[in-house]
Structures are given as C-alpha cells and as structure tokens.
Amino acid sequence: MQAGKLRHIVTFQKLTTTRGLSGGEKNEWVGVCTVWARVSPLSGKALFAAQQNHSEVTGTIDMRYRADINPKMRAVYEGKTYHIHAVIDPDVRHKELKLMVSEGVVKD
C-alpha cells in the first residue's frame, strides 16, 4: 500500500452503553482510533458488482491493517458518517484493509 494514496484522515467509532447518575442507560459513539486512509466512492461496474452482495454499498475506505476494525463500528470523514458493511483483508496478508461502506446515519 502506497502511503501517498492515504490522504484522508478517518476516525473510527464504536457504540458504547453508559449508565447515567439516575441509573438510565445511554448509547454513545466513542472514538477508537484516527488513521490515514483513502475514501473512494464506487462508480459504474464496481458499484453494480458490490451491490450484488451488499445492496447499500456506495464506497470503499482503504487503510493499513488493524485487527480492531469491525462492521459494528462506523467511520467518520469530514463530518460524514459511513456505515461499515464488510471488512476485507486482501490476500489475508494483514497489510491493508478494504472496507465496504455506505454513507448515512448508523442506527444505534
């Protein structure tokens, strides 16, 4: 993976449940890590192929490998929130990750 292509700063968040002083539970997105990545919309043939498996996929996020990234998380880039549909480790080499994502609000 070429470092020059990773020019977007993306923050990954996970949903956590906290208990307030009154005892009620509250769901809240908490930052896990911030990394350099490449955020790319899918177009044409690639979008059609991706939607065969994941009907909502509209783009990809390419980044260096991290074992703690999973589809229960969300990605935030320039104020936009991306739902992670799939985490792919190309060639299972633990060098990079390709995330299949869709833009929009992630439900709690």
PDB file of N, CA and C in Angstrom:
ATOM      1  N   MET A   1       0.835  -1.170   0.000  1.00  0.00           N
ATOM      2  CA  MET A   1       0.000   0.000   0.000  1.00  0.00           C
ATOM      3  C   MET A   1       0.885   1.240   0.000  1.00  0.00           C
ATOM      4  N   GLN A   2       0.660   2.123  -0.938  1.00  0.00           N
ATOM      5  CA  GLN A   2       1.459   3.339  -1.055  1.00  0.00           C
ATOM      6  C   GLN A   2       0.940   4.407  -0.107  1.00  0.00           C
ATOM      7  N   ALA A   3       1.845   4.966   0.692  1.00  0.00           N
ATOM      8  CA  ALA A   3       1.461   5.960   1.690  1.00  0.00           C
ATOM      9  C   ALA A   3       0.850   7.202   1.047  1.00  0.00           C
ATOM     10  N   GLY A   4       1.283   7.567  -0.151  1.00  0.00           N
ATOM     11  CA  GLY A   4       0.780   8.764  -0.829  1.00  0.00           C
ATOM     12  C   GLY A   4      -0.700   8.707  -1.146  1.00  0.00           C
ATOM     13  N   LYS A   5      -1.252   7.512  -1.272  1.00  0.00           N
ATOM     14  CA  LYS A   5      -2.673   7.373  -1.570  1.00  0.00           C
ATOM     15  C   LYS A   5      -3.542   7.541  -0.320  1.00  0.00           C
ATOM     16  N   LEU A   6      -2.931   7.424   0.849  1.00  0.00           N
ATOM     17  CA  LEU A   6      -3.671   7.552   2.107  1.00  0.00           C
ATOM     18  C   LEU A   6      -3.643   9.019   2.530  1.00  0.00           C
ATOM     19  N   ARG A   7      -4.562   9.813   1.987  1.00  0.00           N
ATOM     20  CA  ARG A   7      -4.522  11.248   2.245  1.00  0.00           C
ATOM     21  C   ARG A   7      -5.766  11.786   2.955  1.00  0.00           C
ATOM     22  N   HIS A   8      -6.604  10.892   3.448  1.00  0.00           N
ATOM     23  CA  HIS A   8      -7.796  11.295   4.181  1.00  0.00           C
ATOM     24  C   HIS A   8      -7.663  10.849   5.641  1.00  0.00           C
ATOM     25  N   ILE A   9      -8.027  11.707   6.562  1.00  0.00           N
ATOM     26  CA  ILE A   9      -7.978  11.362   7.972  1.00  0.00           C
ATOM     27  C   ILE A   9      -9.372  10.881   8.389  1.00  0.00           C
ATOM     28  N   VAL A  10      -9.456   9.618   8.796  1.00  0.00           N
ATOM     29  CA  VAL A  10     -10.729   8.973   9.132  1.00  0.00           C
ATOM     30  C   VAL A  10     -10.701   8.546  10.599  1.00  0.00           C
ATOM     31  N   THR A  11     -11.790   8.822  11.295  1.00  0.00           N
ATOM     32  CA  THR A  11     -11.933   8.410  12.688  1.00  0.00           C
ATOM     33  C   THR A  11     -12.920   7.255  12.763  1.00  0.00           C
ATOM     34  N   PHE A  12     -12.562   6.209  13.486  1.00  0.00           N
ATOM     35  CA  PHE A  12     -13.441   5.062  13.687  1.00  0.00           C
ATOM     36  C   PHE A  12     -14.038   5.153  15.080  1.00  0.00           C
ATOM     37  N   GLN A  13     -15.325   4.857  15.159  1.00  0.00           N
ATOM     38  CA  GLN A  13     -16.044   4.944  16.426  1.00  0.00           C
ATOM     39  C   GLN A  13     -16.790   3.647  16.696  1.00  0.00           C
ATOM     40  N   LYS A  14     -16.991   3.350  17.994  1.00  0.00           N
ATOM     41  CA  LYS A  14     -17.802   2.191  18.372  1.00  0.00           C
ATOM     42  C   LYS A  14     -18.901   2.665  19.309  1.00  0.00           C
ATOM     43  N   LEU A  15     -19.997   1.944  19.305  1.00  0.00           N
ATOM     44  CA  LEU A  15     -21.138   2.276  20.142  1.00  0.00           C
ATOM     45  C   LEU A  15     -20.940   1.684  21.531  1.00  0.00           C
ATOM     46  N   THR A  16     -21.029   2.536  22.532  1.00  0.00           N
ATOM     47  CA  THR A  16     -20.892   2.064  23.907  1.00  0.00           C
ATOM     48  C   THR A  16     -22.138   2.467  24.700  1.00  0.00           C
ATOM     49  N   THR A  17     -22.423   1.709  25.722  1.00  0.00           N
ATOM     50  CA  THR A  17     -23.555   1.996  26.593  1.00  0.00           C
ATOM     51  C   THR A  17     -23.014   2.459  27.934  1.00  0.00           C
ATOM     52  N   THR A  18     -23.480   3.616  28.375  1.00  0.00           N
ATOM     53  CA  THR A  18     -23.060   4.141  29.668  1.00  0.00           C
ATOM     54  C   THR A  18     -24.288   4.286  30.558  1.00  0.00           C
ATOM     55  N   ARG A  19     -24.057   4.304  31.831  1.00  0.00           N
ATOM     56  CA  ARG A  19     -25.153   4.442  32.795  1.00  0.00           C
ATOM     57  C   ARG A  19     -25.032   5.820  33.444  1.00  0.00           C
ATOM     58  N   GLY A  20     -26.113   6.576  33.400  1.00  0.00           N
ATOM     59  CA  GLY A  20     -26.137   7.906  33.988  1.00  0.00           C
ATOM     60  C   GLY A  20     -26.307   7.866  35.497  1.00  0.00           C
ATOM     61  N   LEU A  21     -26.267   9.044  36.121  1.00  0.00           N
ATOM     62  CA  LEU A  21     -26.414   9.136  37.577  1.00  0.00           C
ATOM     63  C   LEU A  21     -27.776   8.634  38.044  1.00  0.00           C
ATOM     64  N   SER A  22     -28.781   8.773  37.203  1.00  0.00           N
ATOM     65  CA  SER A  22     -30.122   8.318  37.576  1.00  0.00           C
ATOM     66  C   SER A  22     -30.319   6.827  37.320  1.00  0.00           C
ATOM     67  N   GLY A  23     -29.325   6.165  36.750  1.00  0.00           N
ATOM     68  CA  GLY A  23     -29.401   4.729  36.508  1.00  0.00           C
ATOM     69  C   GLY A  23     -29.821   4.352  35.109  1.00  0.00           C
ATOM     70  N   GLY A  24     -30.225   5.329  34.307  1.00  0.00           N
ATOM     71  CA  GLY A  24     -30.643   5.039  32.936  1.00  0.00           C
ATOM     72  C   GLY A  24     -29.452   4.780  32.020  1.00  0.00           C
ATOM     73  N   GLU A  25     -29.688   3.970  31.001  1.00  0.00           N
ATOM     74  CA  GLU A  25     -28.626   3.666  30.044  1.00  0.00           C
ATOM     75  C   GLU A  25     -28.690   4.621  28.863  1.00  0.00           C
ATOM     76  N   LYS A  26     -27.512   4.939  28.340  1.00  0.00           N
ATOM     77  CA  LYS A  26     -27.410   5.863  27.206  1.00  0.00           C
ATOM     78  C   LYS A  26     -26.406   5.293  26.207  1.00  0.00           C
ATOM     79  N   ASN A  27     -26.803   5.207  24.936  1.00  0.00           N
ATOM     80  CA  ASN A  27     -25.887   4.756  23.881  1.00  0.00           C
ATOM     81  C   ASN A  27     -25.139   5.958  23.338  1.00  0.00           C
ATOM     82  N   GLU A  28     -23.839   5.769  23.118  1.00  0.00           N
ATOM     83  CA  GLU A  28     -22.996   6.880  22.699  1.00  0.00           C
ATOM     84  C   GLU A  28     -21.860   6.356  21.818  1.00  0.00           C
ATOM     85  N   TRP A  29     -21.568   7.066  20.722  1.00  0.00           N
ATOM     86  CA  TRP A  29     -20.454   6.706  19.844  1.00  0.00           C
ATOM     87  C   TRP A  29     -19.174   7.301  20.409  1.00  0.00           C
ATOM     88  N   VAL A  30     -18.162   6.451  20.592  1.00  0.00           N
ATOM     89  CA  VAL A  30     -16.888   6.856  21.180  1.00  0.00           C
ATOM     90  C   VAL A  30     -15.765   6.556  20.193  1.00  0.00           C
ATOM     91  N   GLY A  31     -14.835   7.498  20.030  1.00  0.00           N
ATOM     92  CA  GLY A  31     -13.714   7.314  19.123  1.00  0.00           C
ATOM     93  C   GLY A  31     -12.790   6.190  19.559  1.00  0.00           C
ATOM     94  N   VAL A  32     -12.393   5.357  18.594  1.00  0.00           N
ATOM     95  CA  VAL A  32     -11.474   4.250  18.862  1.00  0.00           C
ATOM     96  C   VAL A  32     -10.086   4.594  18.340  1.00  0.00           C
ATOM     97  N   CYS A  33     -10.025   5.100  17.114  1.00  0.00           N
ATOM     98  CA  CYS A  33      -8.748   5.452  16.523  1.00  0.00           C
ATOM     99  C   CYS A  33      -8.960   6.422  15.360  1.00  0.00           C
ATOM    100  N   THR A  34      -7.916   7.130  15.004  1.00  0.00           N
ATOM    101  CA  THR A  34      -7.909   8.012  13.843  1.00  0.00           C
ATOM    102  C   THR A  34      -6.731   7.594  12.982  1.00  0.00           C
ATOM    103  N   VAL A  35      -6.991   7.348  11.694  1.00  0.00           N
ATOM    104  CA  VAL A  35      -5.956   6.824  10.800  1.00  0.00           C
ATOM    105  C   VAL A  35      -5.954   7.566   9.462  1.00  0.00           C
ATOM    106  N   TRP A  36      -4.858   7.429   8.741  1.00  0.00           N
ATOM    107  CA  TRP A  36      -4.792   7.894   7.366  1.00  0.00           C
ATOM    108  C   TRP A  36      -5.392   6.807   6.480  1.00  0.00           C
ATOM    109  N   ALA A  37      -6.240   7.205   5.552  1.00  0.00           N
ATOM    110  CA  ALA A  37      -6.915   6.245   4.684  1.00  0.00           C
ATOM    111  C   ALA A  37      -7.234   6.898   3.342  1.00  0.00           C
ATOM    112  N   ARG A  38      -7.816   6.097   2.452  1.00  0.00           N
ATOM    113  CA  ARG A  38      -8.311   6.617   1.169  1.00  0.00           C
ATOM    114  C   ARG A  38      -9.806   6.327   1.121  1.00  0.00           C
ATOM    115  N   VAL A  39     -10.604   7.383   1.015  1.00  0.00           N
ATOM    116  CA  VAL A  39     -12.057   7.258   0.927  1.00  0.00           C
ATOM    117  C   VAL A  39     -12.434   7.442  -0.537  1.00  0.00           C
ATOM    118  N   SER A  40     -13.094   6.422  -1.120  1.00  0.00           N
ATOM    119  CA  SER A  40     -13.422   6.455  -2.546  1.00  0.00           C
ATOM    120  C   SER A  40     -14.861   6.031  -2.789  1.00  0.00           C
ATOM    121  N   PRO A  41     -15.602   6.827  -3.555  1.00  0.00           N
ATOM    122  CA  PRO A  41     -16.937   6.369  -3.954  1.00  0.00           C
ATOM    123  C   PRO A  41     -16.809   5.313  -5.041  1.00  0.00           C
ATOM    124  N   LEU A  42     -17.727   4.357  -5.057  1.00  0.00           N
ATOM    125  CA  LEU A  42     -17.745   3.370  -6.142  1.00  0.00           C
ATOM    126  C   LEU A  42     -18.537   3.953  -7.296  1.00  0.00           C
ATOM    127  N   SER A  43     -18.180   3.561  -8.498  1.00  0.00           N
ATOM    128  CA  SER A  43     -18.934   4.038  -9.649  1.00  0.00           C
ATOM    129  C   SER A  43     -19.041   2.941 -10.692  1.00  0.00           C
ATOM    130  N   GLY A  44     -20.050   3.044 -11.507  1.00  0.00           N
ATOM    131  CA  GLY A  44     -20.226   2.144 -12.634  1.00  0.00           C
ATOM    132  C   GLY A  44     -20.220   0.679 -12.278  1.00  0.00           C
ATOM    133  N   LYS A  45     -19.342  -0.061 -12.947  1.00  0.00           N
ATOM    134  CA  LYS A  45     -19.281  -1.513 -12.825  1.00  0.00           C
ATOM    135  C   LYS A  45     -18.952  -1.966 -11.399  1.00  0.00           C
ATOM    136  N   ALA A  46     -18.048  -1.259 -10.732  1.00  0.00           N
ATOM    137  CA  ALA A  46     -17.665  -1.626  -9.367  1.00  0.00           C
ATOM    138  C   ALA A  46     -18.844  -1.481  -8.414  1.00  0.00           C
ATOM    139  N   LEU A  47     -19.638  -0.421  -8.576  1.00  0.00           N
ATOM    140  CA  LEU A  47     -20.805  -0.221  -7.735  1.00  0.00           C
ATOM    141  C   LEU A  47     -21.830  -1.326  -7.966  1.00  0.00           C
ATOM    142  N   PHE A  48     -22.075  -1.674  -9.216  1.00  0.00           N
ATOM    143  CA  PHE A  48     -23.027  -2.731  -9.542  1.00  0.00           C
ATOM    144  C   PHE A  48     -22.585  -4.059  -8.932  1.00  0.00           C
ATOM    145  N   ALA A  49     -21.305  -4.393  -9.057  1.00  0.00           N
ATOM    146  CA  ALA A  49     -20.785  -5.651  -8.522  1.00  0.00           C
ATOM    147  C   ALA A  49     -20.883  -5.681  -6.999  1.00  0.00           C
ATOM    148  N   ALA A  50     -20.563  -4.582  -6.346  1.00  0.00           N
ATOM    149  CA  ALA A  50     -20.614  -4.532  -4.887  1.00  0.00           C
ATOM    150  C   ALA A  50     -22.044  -4.664  -4.386  1.00  0.00           C
ATOM    151  N   GLN A  51     -22.980  -4.099  -5.114  1.00  0.00           N
ATOM    152  CA  GLN A  51     -24.369  -4.136  -4.670  1.00  0.00           C
ATOM    153  C   GLN A  51     -24.997  -5.518  -4.843  1.00  0.00           C
ATOM    154  N   GLN A  52     -24.358  -6.403  -5.563  1.00  0.00           N
ATOM    155  CA  GLN A  52     -24.864  -7.759  -5.673  1.00  0.00           C
ATOM    156  C   GLN A  52     -24.782  -8.473  -4.321  1.00  0.00           C
ATOM    157  N   ASN A  53     -23.743  -8.144  -3.541  1.00  0.00           N
ATOM    158  CA  ASN A  53     -23.548  -8.762  -2.231  1.00  0.00           C
ATOM    159  C   ASN A  53     -24.051  -7.889  -1.087  1.00  0.00           C
ATOM    160  N   HIS A  54     -23.885  -6.591  -1.212  1.00  0.00           N
ATOM    161  CA  HIS A  54     -24.267  -5.638  -0.164  1.00  0.00           C
ATOM    162  C   HIS A  54     -25.049  -4.519  -0.827  1.00  0.00           C
ATOM    163  N   SER A  55     -26.352  -4.559  -0.752  1.00  0.00           N
ATOM    164  CA  SER A  55     -27.201  -3.661  -1.528  1.00  0.00           C
ATOM    165  C   SER A  55     -27.003  -2.182  -1.240  1.00  0.00           C
ATOM    166  N   GLU A  56     -26.438  -1.825  -0.097  1.00  0.00           N
ATOM    167  CA  GLU A  56     -26.307  -0.414   0.250  1.00  0.00           C
ATOM    168  C   GLU A  56     -24.901   0.138   0.033  1.00  0.00           C
ATOM    169  N   VAL A  57     -23.958  -0.665  -0.380  1.00  0.00           N
ATOM    170  CA  VAL A  57     -22.572  -0.221  -0.503  1.00  0.00           C
ATOM    171  C   VAL A  57     -22.452   0.874  -1.556  1.00  0.00           C
ATOM    172  N   THR A  58     -21.835   1.996  -1.158  1.00  0.00           N
ATOM    173  CA  THR A  58     -21.654   3.112  -2.089  1.00  0.00           C
ATOM    174  C   THR A  58     -20.200   3.560  -2.212  1.00  0.00           C
ATOM    175  N   GLY A  59     -19.307   2.961  -1.409  1.00  0.00           N
ATOM    176  CA  GLY A  59     -17.912   3.364  -1.478  1.00  0.00           C
ATOM    177  C   GLY A  59     -17.000   2.422  -0.721  1.00  0.00           C
ATOM    178  N   THR A  60     -15.716   2.763  -0.745  1.00  0.00           N
ATOM    179  CA  THR A  60     -14.723   1.971  -0.013  1.00  0.00           C
ATOM    180  C   THR A  60     -13.819   2.897   0.784  1.00  0.00           C
ATOM    181  N   ILE A  61     -13.266   2.349   1.842  1.00  0.00           N
ATOM    182  CA  ILE A  61     -12.221   3.016   2.603  1.00  0.00           C
ATOM    183  C   ILE A  61     -11.055   2.045   2.650  1.00  0.00           C
ATOM    184  N   ASP A  62      -9.911   2.462   2.110  1.00  0.00           N
ATOM    185  CA  ASP A  62      -8.700   1.642   2.115  1.00  0.00           C
ATOM    186  C   ASP A  62      -7.755   2.197   3.168  1.00  0.00           C
ATOM    187  N   MET A  63      -7.175   1.298   3.956  1.00  0.00           N
ATOM    188  CA  MET A  63      -6.299   1.718   5.048  1.00  0.00           C
ATOM    189  C   MET A  63      -5.302   0.618   5.376  1.00  0.00           C
ATOM    190  N   ARG A  64      -4.315   0.954   6.199  1.00  0.00           N
ATOM    191  CA  ARG A  64      -3.395  -0.064   6.683  1.00  0.00           C
ATOM    192  C   ARG A  64      -4.137  -1.006   7.621  1.00  0.00           C
ATOM    193  N   TYR A  65      -3.657  -2.219   7.738  1.00  0.00           N
ATOM    194  CA  TYR A  65      -4.311  -3.251   8.541  1.00  0.00           C
ATOM    195  C   TYR A  65      -4.369  -2.876  10.019  1.00  0.00           C
ATOM    196  N   ARG A  66      -5.522  -3.108  10.598  1.00  0.00           N
ATOM    197  CA  ARG A  66      -5.735  -3.010  12.046  1.00  0.00           C
ATOM    198  C   ARG A  66      -6.673  -4.136  12.430  1.00  0.00           C
ATOM    199  N   ALA A  67      -6.316  -4.896  13.461  1.00  0.00           N
ATOM    200  CA  ALA A  67      -7.130  -6.041  13.871  1.00  0.00           C
ATOM    201  C   ALA A  67      -8.404  -5.618  14.594  1.00  0.00           C
ATOM    202  N   ASP A  68      -8.468  -4.380  15.075  1.00  0.00           N
ATOM    203  CA  ASP A  68      -9.610  -3.967  15.889  1.00  0.00           C
ATOM    204  C   ASP A  68     -10.761  -3.326  15.103  1.00  0.00           C
ATOM    205  N   ILE A  69     -10.674  -3.256  13.791  1.00  0.00           N
ATOM    206  CA  ILE A  69     -11.743  -2.671  12.975  1.00  0.00           C
ATOM    207  C   ILE A  69     -12.754  -3.761  12.626  1.00  0.00           C
ATOM    208  N   ASN A  70     -14.052  -3.477  12.834  1.00  0.00           N
ATOM    209  CA  ASN A  70     -15.089  -4.467  12.541  1.00  0.00           C
ATOM    210  C   ASN A  70     -16.369  -3.778  12.070  1.00  0.00           C
ATOM    211  N   PRO A  71     -17.317  -4.534  11.499  1.00  0.00           N
ATOM    212  CA  PRO A  71     -18.542  -3.944  10.945  1.00  0.00           C
ATOM    213  C   PRO A  71     -19.491  -3.340  11.983  1.00  0.00           C
ATOM    214  N   LYS A  72     -19.250  -3.548  13.265  1.00  0.00           N
ATOM    215  CA  LYS A  72     -20.091  -2.923  14.284  1.00  0.00           C
ATOM    216  C   LYS A  72     -19.705  -1.467  14.524  1.00  0.00           C
ATOM    217  N   MET A  73     -18.600  -1.046  13.921  1.00  0.00           N
ATOM    218  CA  MET A  73     -18.111   0.315  14.076  1.00  0.00           C
ATOM    219  C   MET A  73     -18.654   1.202  12.957  1.00  0.00           C
ATOM    220  N   ARG A  74     -18.340   2.482  13.058  1.00  0.00           N
ATOM    221  CA  ARG A  74     -18.631   3.407  11.964  1.00  0.00           C
ATOM    222  C   ARG A  74     -17.399   4.260  11.721  1.00  0.00           C
ATOM    223  N   ALA A  75     -17.329   4.830  10.519  1.00  0.00           N
ATOM    224  CA  ALA A  75     -16.213   5.691  10.152  1.00  0.00           C
ATOM    225  C   ALA A  75     -16.745   7.106   9.949  1.00  0.00           C
ATOM    226  N   VAL A  76     -15.953   8.098  10.345  1.00  0.00           N
ATOM    227  CA  VAL A  76     -16.335   9.489  10.164  1.00  0.00           C
ATOM    228  C   VAL A  76     -15.218  10.190   9.405  1.00  0.00           C
ATOM    229  N   TYR A  77     -15.598  10.834   8.294  1.00  0.00           N
ATOM    230  CA  TYR A  77     -14.643  11.566   7.471  1.00  0.00           C
ATOM    231  C   TYR A  77     -15.286  12.878   7.039  1.00  0.00           C
ATOM    232  N   GLU A  78     -14.637  13.988   7.356  1.00  0.00           N
ATOM    233  CA  GLU A  78     -15.111  15.332   7.015  1.00  0.00           C
ATOM    234  C   GLU A  78     -16.579  15.540   7.384  1.00  0.00           C
ATOM    235  N   GLY A  79     -16.957  15.099   8.573  1.00  0.00           N
ATOM    236  CA  GLY A  79     -18.318  15.290   9.058  1.00  0.00           C
ATOM    237  C   GLY A  79     -19.336  14.310   8.502  1.00  0.00           C
ATOM    238  N   LYS A  80     -18.923  13.437   7.600  1.00  0.00           N
ATOM    239  CA  LYS A  80     -19.822  12.430   7.039  1.00  0.00           C
ATOM    240  C   LYS A  80     -19.618  11.114   7.779  1.00  0.00           C
ATOM    241  N   THR A  81     -20.724  10.435   8.032  1.00  0.00           N
ATOM    242  CA  THR A  81     -20.687   9.162   8.743  1.00  0.00           C
ATOM    243  C   THR A  81     -20.872   8.020   7.756  1.00  0.00           C
ATOM    244  N   TYR A  82     -20.035   6.996   7.878  1.00  0.00           N
ATOM    245  CA  TYR A  82     -20.082   5.842   6.984  1.00  0.00           C
ATOM    246  C   TYR A  82     -20.338   4.572   7.790  1.00  0.00           C
ATOM    247  N   HIS A  83     -21.356   3.813   7.384  1.00  0.00           N
ATOM    248  CA  HIS A  83     -21.660   2.516   7.980  1.00  0.00           C
ATOM    249  C   HIS A  83     -20.748   1.478   7.325  1.00  0.00           C
ATOM    250  N   ILE A  84     -20.099   0.636   8.111  1.00  0.00           N
ATOM    251  CA  ILE A  84     -19.197  -0.393   7.586  1.00  0.00           C
ATOM    252  C   ILE A  84     -19.995  -1.674   7.361  1.00  0.00           C
ATOM    253  N   HIS A  85     -20.071  -2.126   6.109  1.00  0.00           N
ATOM    254  CA  HIS A  85     -20.791  -3.351   5.769  1.00  0.00           C
ATOM    255  C   HIS A  85     -19.879  -4.570   5.801  1.00  0.00           C
ATOM    256  N   ALA A  86     -18.631  -4.404   5.379  1.00  0.00           N
ATOM    257  CA  ALA A  86     -17.694  -5.531   5.329  1.00  0.00           C
ATOM    258  C   ALA A  86     -16.270  -5.029   5.519  1.00  0.00           C
ATOM    259  N   VAL A  87     -15.470  -5.843   6.189  1.00  0.00           N
ATOM    260  CA  VAL A  87     -14.045  -5.565   6.377  1.00  0.00           C
ATOM    261  C   VAL A  87     -13.291  -6.664   5.644  1.00  0.00           C
ATOM    262  N   ILE A  88     -12.540  -6.287   4.617  1.00  0.00           N
ATOM    263  CA  ILE A  88     -11.845  -7.262   3.774  1.00  0.00           C
ATOM    264  C   ILE A  88     -10.336  -7.102   3.939  1.00  0.00           C
ATOM    265  N   ASP A  89      -9.656  -8.209   4.190  1.00  0.00           N
ATOM    266  CA  ASP A  89      -8.196  -8.256   4.291  1.00  0.00           C
ATOM    267  C   ASP A  89      -7.695  -8.909   3.000  1.00  0.00           C
ATOM    268  N   PRO A  90      -7.351  -8.098   1.975  1.00  0.00           N
ATOM    269  CA  PRO A  90      -6.948  -8.673   0.689  1.00  0.00           C
ATOM    270  C   PRO A  90      -5.782  -9.658   0.842  1.00  0.00           C
ATOM    271  N   ASP A  91      -5.927 -10.801   0.241  1.00  0.00           N
ATOM    272  CA  ASP A  91      -4.913 -11.859   0.261  1.00  0.00           C
ATOM    273  C   ASP A  91      -4.587 -12.359   1.670  1.00  0.00           C
ATOM    274  N   VAL A  92      -5.344 -11.964   2.660  1.00  0.00           N
ATOM    275  CA  VAL A  92      -5.151 -12.352   4.067  1.00  0.00           C
ATOM    276  C   VAL A  92      -3.684 -12.202   4.473  1.00  0.00           C
ATOM    277  N   ARG A  93      -3.125 -11.035   4.150  1.00  0.00           N
ATOM    278  CA  ARG A  93      -1.718 -10.779   4.458  1.00  0.00           C
ATOM    279  C   ARG A  93      -1.541  -9.838   5.639  1.00  0.00           C
ATOM    280  N   HIS A  94      -2.620  -9.305   6.184  1.00  0.00           N
ATOM    281  CA  HIS A  94      -2.573  -8.364   7.304  1.00  0.00           C
ATOM    282  C   HIS A  94      -1.701  -7.140   6.997  1.00  0.00           C
ATOM    283  N   LYS A  95      -1.806  -6.659   5.762  1.00  0.00           N
ATOM    284  CA  LYS A  95      -1.072  -5.464   5.347  1.00  0.00           C
ATOM    285  C   LYS A  95      -2.008  -4.277   5.172  1.00  0.00           C
ATOM    286  N   GLU A  96      -3.223  -4.556   4.688  1.00  0.00           N
ATOM    287  CA  GLU A  96      -4.177  -3.489   4.429  1.00  0.00           C
ATOM    288  C   GLU A  96      -5.601  -3.996   4.627  1.00  0.00           C
ATOM    289  N   LEU A  97      -6.539  -3.063   4.743  1.00  0.00           N
ATOM    290  CA  LEU A  97      -7.955  -3.392   4.837  1.00  0.00           C
ATOM    291  C   LEU A  97      -8.722  -2.616   3.777  1.00  0.00           C
ATOM    292  N   LYS A  98      -9.734  -3.241   3.233  1.00  0.00           N
ATOM    293  CA  LYS A  98     -10.667  -2.578   2.329  1.00  0.00           C
ATOM    294  C   LYS A  98     -12.027  -2.689   2.995  1.00  0.00           C
ATOM    295  N   LEU A  99     -12.620  -1.546   3.320  1.00  0.00           N
ATOM    296  CA  LEU A  99     -13.914  -1.506   3.979  1.00  0.00           C
ATOM    297  C   LEU A  99     -14.983  -1.150   2.963  1.00  0.00           C
ATOM    298  N   MET A 100     -16.035  -1.947   2.903  1.00  0.00           N
ATOM    299  CA  MET A 100     -17.179  -1.650   2.052  1.00  0.00           C
ATOM    300  C   MET A 100     -18.132  -0.827   2.908  1.00  0.00           C
ATOM    301  N   VAL A 101     -18.442   0.405   2.476  1.00  0.00           N
ATOM    302  CA  VAL A 101     -19.198   1.328   3.312  1.00  0.00           C
ATOM    303  C   VAL A 101     -20.367   1.972   2.562  1.00  0.00           C
ATOM    304  N   SER A 102     -21.290   2.522   3.338  1.00  0.00           N
ATOM    305  CA  SER A 102     -22.347   3.360   2.771  1.00  0.00           C
ATOM    306  C   SER A 102     -22.444   4.608   3.634  1.00  0.00           C
ATOM    307  N   GLU A 103     -22.714   5.722   2.995  1.00  0.00           N
ATOM    308  CA  GLU A 103     -22.817   6.984   3.713  1.00  0.00           C
ATOM    309  C   GLU A 103     -24.207   7.115   4.314  1.00  0.00           C
ATOM    310  N   GLY A 104     -24.263   7.659   5.504  1.00  0.00           N
ATOM    311  CA  GLY A 104     -25.553   7.885   6.134  1.00  0.00           C
ATOM    312  C   GLY A 104     -25.525   7.603   7.614  1.00  0.00           C
ATOM    313  N   VAL A 105     -26.636   7.820   8.234  1.00  0.00           N
ATOM    314  CA  VAL A 105     -26.749   7.663   9.679  1.00  0.00           C
ATOM    315  C   VAL A 105     -26.723   6.183  10.032  1.00  0.00           C
ATOM    316  N   VAL A 106     -25.925   5.837  11.019  1.00  0.00           N
ATOM    317  CA  VAL A 106     -25.864   4.473  11.520  1.00  0.00           C
ATOM    318  C   VAL A 106     -26.810   4.408  12.708  1.00  0.00           C
ATOM    319  N   LYS A 107     -27.709   3.440  12.686  1.00  0.00           N
ATOM    320  CA  LYS A 107     -28.684   3.307  13.763  1.00  0.00           C
ATOM    321  C   LYS A 107     -28.035   2.751  15.003  1.00  0.00           C
ATOM    322  N   ASP A 108     -28.446   3.292  16.155  1.00  0.00           N
ATOM    323  CA  ASP A 108     -27.911   2.833  17.448  1.00  0.00           C
ATOM    324  C   ASP A 108     -28.366   1.440  17.758  1.00  0.00           C
TER     325      ASP A 108
END
